[in-house]
C-alpha atoms as a PDB file:
ATOM      1  CA  MET A   1      49.500 -73.428 -95.190  1.00  0.00           C
ATOM      2  CA  GLU A   2      48.414 -75.022 -98.273  1.00  0.00           C
ATOM      3  CA  GLU A   3      51.509 -77.108 -98.288  1.00  0.00           C
ATOM      4  CA  VAL A   4      50.918 -78.379 -94.764  1.00  0.00           C
ATOM      5  CA  GLN A   5      47.532 -79.833 -95.524  1.00  0.00           C
ATOM      6  CA  PRO A   6      48.750 -82.092 -98.356  1.00  0.00           C
ATOM      7  CA  GLN A   7      51.597 -83.273 -96.130  1.00  0.00           C
ATOM      8  CA  VAL A   8      49.214 -84.018 -93.286  1.00  0.00           C
ATOM      9  CA  ALA A   9      46.851 -85.746 -95.683  1.00  0.00           C
ATOM     10  CA  LYS A  10      49.771 -87.722 -97.058  1.00  0.00           C
ATOM     11  CA  LYS A  11      50.792 -88.753 -93.526  1.00  0.00           C
ATOM     12  CA  TRP A  12      47.244 -89.798 -92.687  1.00  0.00           C
ATOM     13  CA  PHE A  13      47.014 -91.677 -95.967  1.00  0.00           C
ATOM     14  CA  LEU A  14      50.284 -93.510 -95.236  1.00  0.00           C
ATOM     15  CA  LEU A  15      49.184 -94.146 -91.661  1.00  0.00           C
ATOM     16  CA  SER A  16      45.883 -95.496 -92.960  1.00  0.00           C
ATOM     17  CA  LEU A  17      47.693 -97.763 -95.432  1.00  0.00           C
ATOM     18  CA  ILE A  18      49.968 -99.099 -92.692  1.00  0.00           C
ATOM     19  CA  ALA A  19      47.011 -99.641 -90.334  1.00  0.00           C
ATOM     20  CA  ASN A  20      45.054-101.430 -93.065  1.00  0.00           C
ATOM     21  CA  ALA A  21      48.064-103.582 -93.901  1.00  0.00           C
ATOM     22  CA  LEU A  22      48.469-104.449 -90.213  1.00  0.00           C
ATOM     23  CA  LEU A  23      44.763-105.276 -89.945  1.00  0.00           C
ATOM     24  CA  LEU A  24      45.031-107.424 -93.057  1.00  0.00           C
ATOM     25  CA  VAL A  25      48.029-109.258 -91.599  1.00  0.00           C
ATOM     26  CA  LEU A  26      46.210-109.679 -88.266  1.00  0.00           C
ATOM     27  CA  ALA A  27      43.078-110.953 -90.037  1.00  0.00           C
ATOM     28  CA  GLY A  28      45.200-113.404 -92.057  1.00  0.00           C
ATOM     29  CA  GLY A  29      46.953-114.527 -88.894  1.00  0.00           C
ATOM     30  CA  ALA A  30      43.608-114.985 -87.127  1.00  0.00           C
ATOM     31  CA  ILE A  31      42.287-117.058 -90.026  1.00  0.00           C
ATOM     32  CA  LEU A  32      45.474-119.154 -90.033  1.00  0.00           C
ATOM     33  CA  PHE A  33      45.248-119.576 -86.248  1.00  0.00           C
ATOM     34  CA  ALA A  34      41.580-120.624 -86.521  1.00  0.00           C
ATOM     35  CA  PHE A  35      42.487-123.153 -89.222  1.00  0.00           C
ATOM     36  CA  MET A  36      45.285-124.577 -87.073  1.00  0.00           C
ATOM     37  CA  LEU A  37      42.916-124.815 -84.084  1.00  0.00           C
ATOM     38  CA  SER A  38      40.340-126.588 -86.233  1.00  0.00           C
ATOM     39  CA  TYR A  39      42.962-129.067 -87.450  1.00  0.00           C
ATOM     40  CA  SER A  40      44.201-129.644 -83.894  1.00  0.00           C
ATOM     41  CA  LEU A  41      40.625-130.135 -82.700  1.00  0.00           C
ATOM     42  CA  GLN A  42      40.094-132.812 -85.339  1.00  0.00           C
ATOM     43  CA  ASP A  43      43.271-134.573 -84.203  1.00  0.00           C
ATOM     44  CA  VAL A  44      42.111-134.425 -80.594  1.00  0.00           C
ATOM     45  CA  LYS A  45      38.704-135.870 -81.566  1.00  0.00           C
ATOM     46  CA  ILE A  46      40.363-138.738 -83.431  1.00  0.00           C
ATOM     47  CA  GLN A  47      42.696-139.400 -80.489  1.00  0.00           C
ATOM     48  CA  LEU A  48      39.767-139.376 -78.039  1.00  0.00           C
ATOM     49  CA  ALA A  49      37.834-141.834 -80.217  1.00  0.00           C
ATOM     50  CA  LYS A  50      40.847-144.168 -80.296  1.00  0.00           C
ATOM     51  CA  GLU A  51      41.318-143.881 -76.534  1.00  0.00           C
ATOM     52  CA  LYS A  52      37.618-144.579 -75.969  1.00  0.00           C
ATOM     53  CA  GLU A  53      37.837-147.676 -78.156  1.00  0.00           C
ATOM     54  CA  ASP A  54      40.978-148.812 -76.331  1.00  0.00           C
ATOM     55  CA  ARG A  55      39.293-148.242 -72.981  1.00  0.00           C
ATOM     56  CA  GLN A  56      36.258-150.302 -74.024  1.00  0.00           C
ATOM     57  CA  ARG A  57      38.562-153.083 -75.225  1.00  0.00           C
ATOM     58  CA  VAL A  58      40.471-153.040 -71.920  1.00  0.00           C
ATOM     59  CA  GLU A  59      37.234-153.043 -69.893  1.00  0.00           C
ATOM     60  CA  SER A  60      35.958-155.996 -71.925  1.00  0.00           C
ATOM     61  CA  TYR A  61      39.234-157.838 -71.372  1.00  0.00           C
ATOM     62  CA  LEU A  62      39.075-157.090 -67.633  1.00  0.00           C
ATOM     63  CA  ALA A  63      35.514-158.382 -67.418  1.00  0.00           C
ATOM     64  CA  GLU A  64      36.529-161.599 -69.217  1.00  0.00           C
ATOM     65  CA  SER A  65      39.570-161.948 -66.982  1.00  0.00           C
ATOM     66  CA  ARG A  66      37.498-161.467 -63.850  1.00  0.00           C
ATOM     67  CA  ALA A  67      35.004-164.097 -65.040  1.00  0.00           C
ATOM     68  CA  ARG A  68      37.830-166.539 -65.794  1.00  0.00           C
ATOM     69  CA  ALA A  69      39.444-165.798 -62.430  1.00  0.00           C
ATOM     70  CA  ALA A  70      36.153-166.436 -60.636  1.00  0.00           C
ATOM     71  CA  GLU A  71      35.750-169.696 -62.539  1.00  0.00           C
ATOM     72  CA  VAL A  72      39.288-170.771 -61.673  1.00  0.00           C
ATOM     73  CA  GLU A  73      38.704-169.816 -58.040  1.00  0.00           C
ATOM     74  CA  ARG A  74      35.541-171.958 -57.931  1.00  0.00           C
ATOM     75  CA  GLU A  75      37.452-174.863 -59.450  1.00  0.00           C
ATOM     76  CA  ILE A  76      40.253-174.420 -56.903  1.00  0.00           C
ATOM     77  CA  GLN A  77      37.724-174.422 -54.069  1.00  0.00           C
ATOM     78  CA  ARG A  78      36.052-177.537 -55.463  1.00  0.00           C
ATOM     79  CA  LEU A  79      39.392-179.328 -55.811  1.00  0.00           C
ATOM     80  CA  SER A  80      40.467-178.154 -52.361  1.00  0.00           C
ATOM     81  CA  GLN A  81      37.276-179.558 -50.885  1.00  0.00           C
ATOM     82  CA  ALA A  82      37.852-182.808 -52.748  1.00  0.00           C
ATOM     83  CA  LEU A  83      41.414-183.002 -51.397  1.00  0.00           C
ATOM     84  CA  ASN A  84      40.270-182.233 -47.870  1.00  0.00           C
ATOM     85  CA  ALA A  85      37.554-184.871 -48.018  1.00  0.00           C
ATOM     86  CA  LYS A  86      38.274-187.796 -45.731  1.00  0.00           C
ATOM     87  CA  ASP A  87      37.876-190.382 -48.456  1.00  0.00           C
ATOM     88  CA  PRO A  88      37.623-189.561 -52.173  1.00  0.00           C
ATOM     89  CA  ALA A  89      35.762-192.814 -52.765  1.00  0.00           C
ATOM     90  CA  GLN A  90      33.236-191.736 -50.127  1.00  0.00           C
ATOM     91  CA  ALA A  91      32.814-188.355 -51.833  1.00  0.00           C
ATOM     92  CA  GLU A  92      32.197-190.153 -55.155  1.00  0.00           C
ATOM     93  CA  SER A  93      29.658-192.529 -53.612  1.00  0.00           C
ATOM     94  CA  ASP A  94      27.750-189.600 -52.055  1.00  0.00           C
ATOM     95  CA  LYS A  95      26.936-188.259 -55.518  1.00  0.00           C
ATOM     96  CA  PRO A  96      23.771-189.389 -57.344  1.00  0.00           C
ATOM     97  CA  GLU A  97      24.004-191.776 -60.274  1.00  0.00           C
ATOM     98  CA  LEU A  98      24.577-190.327 -63.725  1.00  0.00           C
ATOM     99  CA  PRO A  99      21.133-190.048 -65.411  1.00  0.00           C
ATOM    100  CA  VAL A 100      22.065-191.895 -68.595  1.00  0.00           C
ATOM    101  CA  VAL A 101      21.311-195.215 -70.247  1.00  0.00           C
ATOM    102  CA  VAL A 102      24.033-196.609 -72.502  1.00  0.00           C
ATOM    103  CA  SER A 103      23.602-199.300 -75.110  1.00  0.00           C
ATOM    104  CA  PHE A 104      25.636-200.483 -78.079  1.00  0.00           C
ATOM    105  CA  ARG A 105      24.533-201.420 -81.576  1.00  0.00           C
ATOM    106  CA  LYS A 106      26.255-202.375 -84.796  1.00  0.00           C
ATOM    107  CA  SER A 107      27.213-199.461 -86.986  1.00  0.00           C
ATOM    108  CA  TRP A 108      24.901-198.943 -89.924  1.00  0.00           C
ATOM    109  CA  LEU A 109      27.983-198.692 -92.114  1.00  0.00           C
ATOM    110  CA  GLY A 110      29.297-201.924 -90.660  1.00  0.00           C
ATOM    111  CA  ILE A 111      32.415-200.411 -89.040  1.00  0.00           C
ATOM    112  CA  GLY A 112      32.537-201.464 -85.386  1.00  0.00           C
ATOM    113  CA  LEU A 113      29.941-200.683 -82.741  1.00  0.00           C
ATOM    114  CA  VAL A 114      28.151-197.429 -81.926  1.00  0.00           C
ATOM    115  CA  ALA A 115      27.477-196.271 -78.352  1.00  0.00           C
ATOM    116  CA  VAL A 116      23.977-194.889 -77.858  1.00  0.00           C
ATOM    117  CA  ILE A 117      23.898-192.591 -74.812  1.00  0.00           C
ATOM    118  CA  GLU A 118      20.436-191.518 -73.645  1.00  0.00           C
ATOM    119  CA  ASN A 119      19.971-188.542 -71.291  1.00  0.00           C
ATOM    120  CA  THR A 120      17.145-189.480 -68.918  1.00  0.00           C
ATOM    121  CA  SER A 121      17.305-186.189 -67.006  1.00  0.00           C
ATOM    122  CA  SER A 122      15.396-182.939 -67.573  1.00  0.00           C
ATOM    123  CA  HIS A 123      18.488-180.818 -68.217  1.00  0.00           C
ATOM    124  CA  TYR A 124      21.416-180.668 -70.630  1.00  0.00           C
ATOM    125  CA  LEU A 125      24.390-182.826 -69.771  1.00  0.00           C
ATOM    126  CA  THR A 126      27.957-182.020 -70.750  1.00  0.00           C
ATOM    127  CA  LEU A 127      29.940-185.203 -70.222  1.00  0.00           C
ATOM    128  CA  VAL A 128      33.540-186.283 -70.572  1.00  0.00           C
ATOM    129  CA  MET A 129      33.635-189.645 -72.308  1.00  0.00           C
ATOM    130  CA  THR A 130      36.699-191.865 -72.183  1.00  0.00           C
ATOM    131  CA  ALA A 131      37.136-194.824 -74.505  1.00  0.00           C
ATOM    132  CA  ARG A 132      40.024-197.260 -74.005  1.00  0.00           C
ATOM    133  CA  ASN A 133      41.077-200.252 -76.024  1.00  0.00           C
ATOM    134  CA  PRO A 134      43.177-202.418 -73.686  1.00  0.00           C
ATOM    135  CA  THR A 135      44.358-204.660 -76.540  1.00  0.00           C
ATOM    136  CA  LEU A 136      45.876-201.820 -78.560  1.00  0.00           C
ATOM    137  CA  SER A 137      46.703-199.704 -75.477  1.00  0.00           C
ATOM    138  CA  THR A 138      44.902-196.700 -76.921  1.00  0.00           C
ATOM    139  CA  ILE A 139      42.773-194.231 -75.047  1.00  0.00           C
ATOM    140  CA  LYS A 140      40.883-191.144 -76.127  1.00  0.00           C
ATOM    141  CA  ARG A 141      38.771-188.512 -74.354  1.00  0.00           C
ATOM    142  CA  PHE A 142      35.786-186.694 -75.828  1.00  0.00           C
ATOM    143  CA  GLN A 143      33.384-184.047 -74.607  1.00  0.00           C
ATOM    144  CA  VAL A 144      29.755-184.736 -75.500  1.00  0.00           C
ATOM    145  CA  GLU A 145      26.619-182.709 -74.913  1.00  0.00           C
ATOM    146  CA  ILE A 146      23.205-184.320 -74.750  1.00  0.00           C
ATOM    147  CA  ALA A 147      19.863-182.490 -74.612  1.00  0.00           C
ATOM    148  CA  PRO A 148      17.264-183.530 -72.012  1.00  0.00           C
ATOM    149  CA  GLY A 149      15.416-186.706 -72.999  1.00  0.00           C
ATOM    150  CA  GLU A 150      17.545-187.070 -76.156  1.00  0.00           C
ATOM    151  CA  ASP A 151      20.056-189.704 -77.135  1.00  0.00           C
ATOM    152  CA  LEU A 152      23.422-189.476 -78.851  1.00  0.00           C
ATOM    153  CA  ALA A 153      24.908-192.082 -81.185  1.00  0.00           C
ATOM    154  CA  PHE A 154      28.703-192.044 -80.964  1.00  0.00           C
ATOM    155  CA  GLY A 155      30.892-194.166 -83.210  1.00  0.00           C
ATOM    156  CA  HIS A 156      33.672-194.209 -85.798  1.00  0.00           C
ATOM    157  CA  ASN A 157      32.399-191.007 -87.507  1.00  0.00           C
ATOM    158  CA  ASP A 158      32.853-189.195 -84.187  1.00  0.00           C
ATOM    159  CA  GLY A 159      36.389-190.409 -83.517  1.00  0.00           C
ATOM    160  CA  TRP A 160      36.197-193.902 -81.971  1.00  0.00           C
ATOM    161  CA  LYS A 161      35.367-197.324 -83.375  1.00  0.00           C
ATOM    162  CA  PHE A 162      34.064-199.364 -80.436  1.00  0.00           C
ATOM    163  CA  THR A 163      34.916-203.050 -80.294  1.00  0.00           C
ATOM    164  CA  SER A 164      34.018-205.719 -77.817  1.00  0.00           C
ATOM    165  CA  GLY A 165      36.193-205.438 -74.694  1.00  0.00           C
ATOM    166  CA  ASP A 166      36.720-201.667 -74.888  1.00  0.00           C
ATOM    167  CA  GLU A 167      36.413-199.810 -71.616  1.00  0.00           C
ATOM    168  CA  PHE A 168      33.842-197.018 -71.691  1.00  0.00           C
ATOM    169  CA  SER A 169      33.500-194.249 -69.047  1.00  0.00           C
ATOM    170  CA  LEU A 170      31.358-191.135 -68.629  1.00  0.00           C
ATOM    171  CA  TYR A 171      32.178-188.347 -66.142  1.00  0.00           C
ATOM    172  CA  HIS A 172      30.269-185.356 -64.798  1.00  0.00           C
ATOM    173  CA  ASP A 173      31.223-183.327 -61.717  1.00  0.00           C
ATOM    174  CA  ASN A 174      27.792-183.595 -60.121  1.00  0.00           C
ATOM    175  CA  TYR A 175      27.292-187.356 -60.603  1.00  0.00           C
ATOM    176  CA  ARG A 176      29.043-190.650 -59.956  1.00  0.00           C
ATOM    177  CA  SER A 177      31.253-191.908 -62.764  1.00  0.00           C
ATOM    178  CA  PHE A 178      29.661-194.345 -65.181  1.00  0.00           C
ATOM    179  CA  LYS A 179      31.932-197.195 -66.339  1.00  0.00           C
ATOM    180  CA  LEU A 180      31.347-200.344 -68.332  1.00  0.00           C
ATOM    181  CA  THR A 181      33.034-202.770 -70.702  1.00  0.00           C
ATOM    182  CA  VAL A 182      31.672-202.923 -74.245  1.00  0.00           C
ATOM    183  CA  PRO A 183      29.911-206.285 -74.736  1.00  0.00           C
END
């Protein structure tokens, strides 16, 4: 009987060693699995951040596109109304006069003339200015902005050297065109 007990003890000892080894392997596997999950979670977080940024960029682009589309649609409607008007000259004459006063002076640097455009209204004006020299057959368009009650001197430093006989025009959608010949 004495021999049986050491054999049983040996079996239990071996069984205990095997169980502990299995538990150690399972614990190692669980730690490895947890590490892999943590790494995968970090990847998912990075991917979600990128997708969120992409979504915000797309939403911003869509908002800009919608605004541009609305602007284009308004312009199409305005042009359609202008085309459907009975007489374009009548439509132009129905508009109020452009609230500007234009004069010309010699350039302080002595190079040509300078146009002085004064805004007599109480709001900002964004105008399209056309200057044409019939002698040289040259024409150029500019966009100018003038604050309320302010004036703007426009000459050779701004892109056009005015000379006597040049044709000068100012355009704004809400007003009649302003045209004159430089004295």
